[in-house]
Amino acid sequence: PKVKAQLEERENKKYATFKAVEFRSQVVAGRNYFIKVQVDDDEFVHLRVFQSLPHENKPLALSSYQTNKARHDELAYF
């Protein structure tokens, strides 16, 4: 829910559907998650979400995103 709100704010758009269908992760000084999210019947967005190390006690942060993706688009690191 927190990441959805961050995306909606950046895009100035509300998503009735917001269903993660695939993800990858990358260990950094914390962890990056790459998530494919279905936002409409045939519309998807790719998200990069950063989770800091536990001792930093920070919320998940939407680092970057890509819109206008399709179900078959590869979820790649960006």
N, C-alpha and C. Protein backbone atom coordinates (compact mmCIF):
# COMPACT_ATOMS: atom_id res chain seq x y z
N PRO A 1 0.81 -1.22 0.00
CA PRO A 1 0.00 0.00 0.00
C PRO A 1 0.85 1.27 0.00
N LYS A 2 1.97 1.27 0.72
CA LYS A 2 2.80 2.46 0.77
C LYS A 2 3.44 2.75 -0.59
N VAL A 3 3.89 1.71 -1.28
CA VAL A 3 4.52 1.89 -2.58
C VAL A 3 3.47 2.32 -3.60
N LYS A 4 2.27 1.75 -3.54
CA LYS A 4 1.19 2.15 -4.44
C LYS A 4 0.91 3.64 -4.29
N ALA A 5 0.82 4.12 -3.07
CA ALA A 5 0.55 5.54 -2.82
C ALA A 5 1.67 6.41 -3.38
N GLN A 6 2.92 5.96 -3.27
CA GLN A 6 4.04 6.73 -3.80
C GLN A 6 3.97 6.82 -5.32
N LEU A 7 3.62 5.71 -5.98
CA LEU A 7 3.50 5.71 -7.44
C LEU A 7 2.33 6.59 -7.88
N GLU A 8 1.19 6.45 -7.21
CA GLU A 8 0.03 7.25 -7.56
C GLU A 8 0.32 8.75 -7.42
N GLU A 9 1.08 9.11 -6.41
CA GLU A 9 1.43 10.52 -6.21
C GLU A 9 2.34 11.01 -7.34
N ARG A 10 3.33 10.21 -7.70
CA ARG A 10 4.26 10.62 -8.76
C ARG A 10 3.59 10.70 -10.12
N GLU A 11 2.66 9.77 -10.38
CA GLU A 11 1.97 9.73 -11.67
C GLU A 11 0.71 10.59 -11.68
N ASN A 12 0.30 11.08 -10.51
CA ASN A 12 -0.95 11.84 -10.37
C ASN A 12 -2.11 11.04 -10.96
N LYS A 13 -2.19 9.78 -10.56
CA LYS A 13 -3.15 8.84 -11.12
C LYS A 13 -3.50 7.81 -10.06
N LYS A 14 -4.75 7.37 -10.03
CA LYS A 14 -5.18 6.31 -9.11
C LYS A 14 -5.28 5.00 -9.88
N TYR A 15 -4.83 3.92 -9.27
CA TYR A 15 -4.88 2.59 -9.89
C TYR A 15 -5.89 1.74 -9.13
N ALA A 16 -6.97 1.35 -9.81
CA ALA A 16 -7.97 0.49 -9.19
C ALA A 16 -7.39 -0.91 -8.96
N THR A 17 -6.56 -1.36 -9.90
CA THR A 17 -5.88 -2.65 -9.79
C THR A 17 -4.42 -2.37 -9.48
N PHE A 18 -3.84 -3.14 -8.58
CA PHE A 18 -2.43 -3.00 -8.23
C PHE A 18 -1.97 -4.35 -7.71
N LYS A 19 -1.63 -5.25 -8.64
CA LYS A 19 -1.34 -6.64 -8.30
C LYS A 19 0.06 -7.01 -8.77
N ALA A 20 0.95 -7.31 -7.83
CA ALA A 20 2.30 -7.73 -8.19
C ALA A 20 2.22 -9.11 -8.83
N VAL A 21 2.85 -9.27 -10.00
CA VAL A 21 2.79 -10.54 -10.71
C VAL A 21 4.17 -11.18 -10.86
N GLU A 22 5.23 -10.43 -10.57
CA GLU A 22 6.59 -10.95 -10.67
C GLU A 22 7.52 -10.02 -9.92
N PHE A 23 8.62 -10.56 -9.37
CA PHE A 23 9.61 -9.68 -8.75
C PHE A 23 10.99 -10.33 -8.79
N ARG A 24 12.00 -9.51 -8.67
CA ARG A 24 13.40 -9.91 -8.52
C ARG A 24 13.96 -9.07 -7.39
N SER A 25 15.09 -9.48 -6.85
CA SER A 25 15.72 -8.65 -5.83
C SER A 25 17.21 -8.57 -6.07
N GLN A 26 17.83 -7.55 -5.51
CA GLN A 26 19.26 -7.30 -5.64
C GLN A 26 19.75 -6.81 -4.27
N VAL A 27 20.78 -7.45 -3.77
CA VAL A 27 21.34 -7.04 -2.48
C VAL A 27 22.32 -5.89 -2.73
N VAL A 28 22.09 -4.80 -2.03
CA VAL A 28 22.98 -3.63 -2.04
C VAL A 28 23.19 -3.28 -0.58
N ALA A 29 23.31 -2.02 -0.22
CA ALA A 29 23.35 -1.63 1.20
C ALA A 29 21.90 -1.58 1.66
N GLY A 30 21.28 -2.73 1.63
CA GLY A 30 19.85 -2.93 1.80
C GLY A 30 19.44 -3.89 0.70
N ARG A 31 18.27 -3.69 0.12
CA ARG A 31 17.83 -4.58 -0.95
C ARG A 31 16.95 -3.80 -1.92
N ASN A 32 17.22 -3.98 -3.22
CA ASN A 32 16.35 -3.45 -4.26
C ASN A 32 15.42 -4.56 -4.72
N TYR A 33 14.15 -4.25 -4.81
CA TYR A 33 13.17 -5.17 -5.38
C TYR A 33 12.69 -4.61 -6.70
N PHE A 34 12.65 -5.45 -7.71
CA PHE A 34 12.13 -5.09 -9.01
C PHE A 34 10.81 -5.84 -9.15
N ILE A 35 9.72 -5.11 -9.30
CA ILE A 35 8.39 -5.71 -9.21
C ILE A 35 7.57 -5.34 -10.44
N LYS A 36 6.99 -6.34 -11.09
CA LYS A 36 6.05 -6.11 -12.18
C LYS A 36 4.66 -6.09 -11.56
N VAL A 37 3.93 -4.99 -11.78
CA VAL A 37 2.63 -4.80 -11.16
C VAL A 37 1.58 -4.59 -12.25
N GLN A 38 0.50 -5.37 -12.17
CA GLN A 38 -0.62 -5.19 -13.09
C GLN A 38 -1.50 -4.08 -12.55
N VAL A 39 -1.74 -3.04 -13.37
CA VAL A 39 -2.55 -1.91 -12.95
C VAL A 39 -3.85 -1.79 -13.73
N ASP A 40 -4.01 -2.60 -14.77
CA ASP A 40 -5.24 -2.65 -15.56
C ASP A 40 -5.22 -3.99 -16.29
N ASP A 41 -6.28 -4.28 -17.06
CA ASP A 41 -6.34 -5.57 -17.74
C ASP A 41 -5.07 -5.87 -18.53
N ASP A 42 -4.63 -4.91 -19.33
CA ASP A 42 -3.45 -5.12 -20.18
C ASP A 42 -2.37 -4.08 -19.93
N GLU A 43 -2.34 -3.48 -18.76
CA GLU A 43 -1.34 -2.45 -18.47
C GLU A 43 -0.57 -2.82 -17.21
N PHE A 44 0.74 -2.69 -17.32
CA PHE A 44 1.64 -3.05 -16.24
C PHE A 44 2.63 -1.92 -16.00
N VAL A 45 3.17 -1.85 -14.80
CA VAL A 45 4.28 -0.96 -14.49
C VAL A 45 5.38 -1.78 -13.83
N HIS A 46 6.61 -1.36 -14.03
CA HIS A 46 7.74 -1.99 -13.36
C HIS A 46 8.22 -1.02 -12.29
N LEU A 47 8.41 -1.53 -11.09
CA LEU A 47 8.83 -0.71 -9.96
C LEU A 47 10.20 -1.16 -9.45
N ARG A 48 11.00 -0.21 -9.00
CA ARG A 48 12.20 -0.53 -8.23
C ARG A 48 11.98 0.06 -6.85
N VAL A 49 11.92 -0.83 -5.86
CA VAL A 49 11.62 -0.44 -4.48
C VAL A 49 12.85 -0.76 -3.63
N PHE A 50 13.25 0.20 -2.81
CA PHE A 50 14.42 0.02 -1.97
C PHE A 50 14.00 -0.23 -0.53
N GLN A 51 14.57 -1.29 0.05
CA GLN A 51 14.37 -1.60 1.47
C GLN A 51 15.72 -1.43 2.16
N SER A 52 15.80 -0.49 3.08
CA SER A 52 17.06 -0.22 3.78
C SER A 52 17.37 -1.35 4.75
N LEU A 53 18.56 -1.31 5.29
CA LEU A 53 18.95 -2.32 6.28
C LEU A 53 18.06 -2.19 7.52
N PRO A 54 17.79 -3.31 8.19
CA PRO A 54 16.85 -3.30 9.32
C PRO A 54 17.17 -2.27 10.40
N HIS A 55 18.44 -2.09 10.72
CA HIS A 55 18.79 -1.16 11.80
C HIS A 55 18.52 0.31 11.44
N GLU A 56 18.35 0.61 10.15
CA GLU A 56 18.06 1.98 9.73
C GLU A 56 16.59 2.34 9.96
N ASN A 57 15.74 1.31 10.06
CA ASN A 57 14.33 1.49 10.40
C ASN A 57 13.64 2.54 9.51
N LYS A 58 13.83 2.41 8.19
CA LYS A 58 13.21 3.33 7.23
C LYS A 58 12.13 2.58 6.46
N PRO A 59 11.10 3.29 5.99
CA PRO A 59 10.05 2.65 5.22
C PRO A 59 10.53 2.28 3.81
N LEU A 60 9.79 1.39 3.16
CA LEU A 60 10.07 1.06 1.77
C LEU A 60 9.96 2.34 0.94
N ALA A 61 10.85 2.47 -0.05
CA ALA A 61 10.85 3.67 -0.88
C ALA A 61 10.81 3.30 -2.35
N LEU A 62 9.91 3.92 -3.08
CA LEU A 62 9.84 3.74 -4.52
C LEU A 62 11.00 4.54 -5.13
N SER A 63 12.01 3.83 -5.65
CA SER A 63 13.20 4.49 -6.19
C SER A 63 13.00 4.94 -7.62
N SER A 64 12.36 4.08 -8.42
CA SER A 64 12.18 4.36 -9.83
C SER A 64 11.04 3.49 -10.34
N TYR A 65 10.51 3.85 -11.50
CA TYR A 65 9.45 3.05 -12.10
C TYR A 65 9.41 3.27 -13.60
N GLN A 66 8.80 2.32 -14.30
CA GLN A 66 8.61 2.40 -15.74
C GLN A 66 7.15 2.07 -16.03
N THR A 67 6.48 2.95 -16.77
CA THR A 67 5.07 2.75 -17.10
C THR A 67 4.92 2.20 -18.51
N ASN A 68 3.68 1.96 -18.91
CA ASN A 68 3.35 1.47 -20.26
C ASN A 68 4.05 0.16 -20.59
N LYS A 69 4.05 -0.75 -19.64
CA LYS A 69 4.63 -2.07 -19.87
C LYS A 69 3.51 -3.07 -20.16
N ALA A 70 3.87 -4.17 -20.81
CA ALA A 70 2.93 -5.24 -21.12
C ALA A 70 3.30 -6.47 -20.30
N ARG A 71 2.37 -7.42 -20.23
CA ARG A 71 2.60 -8.64 -19.45
C ARG A 71 3.89 -9.35 -19.89
N HIS A 72 4.15 -9.37 -21.20
CA HIS A 72 5.30 -10.11 -21.72
C HIS A 72 6.63 -9.36 -21.61
N ASP A 73 6.62 -8.07 -21.25
CA ASP A 73 7.86 -7.33 -21.12
C ASP A 73 8.72 -7.91 -20.00
N GLU A 74 10.00 -8.11 -20.30
CA GLU A 74 10.90 -8.70 -19.31
C GLU A 74 11.11 -7.74 -18.14
N LEU A 75 11.06 -8.30 -16.95
CA LEU A 75 11.34 -7.53 -15.74
C LEU A 75 12.87 -7.51 -15.58
N ALA A 76 13.49 -6.44 -16.04
CA ALA A 76 14.94 -6.33 -16.02
C ALA A 76 15.38 -5.30 -14.99
N TYR A 77 16.64 -5.37 -14.61
CA TYR A 77 17.20 -4.40 -13.68
C TYR A 77 17.27 -3.03 -14.35
N PHE A 78 16.83 -2.00 -13.67
CA PHE A 78 16.91 -0.63 -14.20
C PHE A 78 17.21 0.33 -13.08
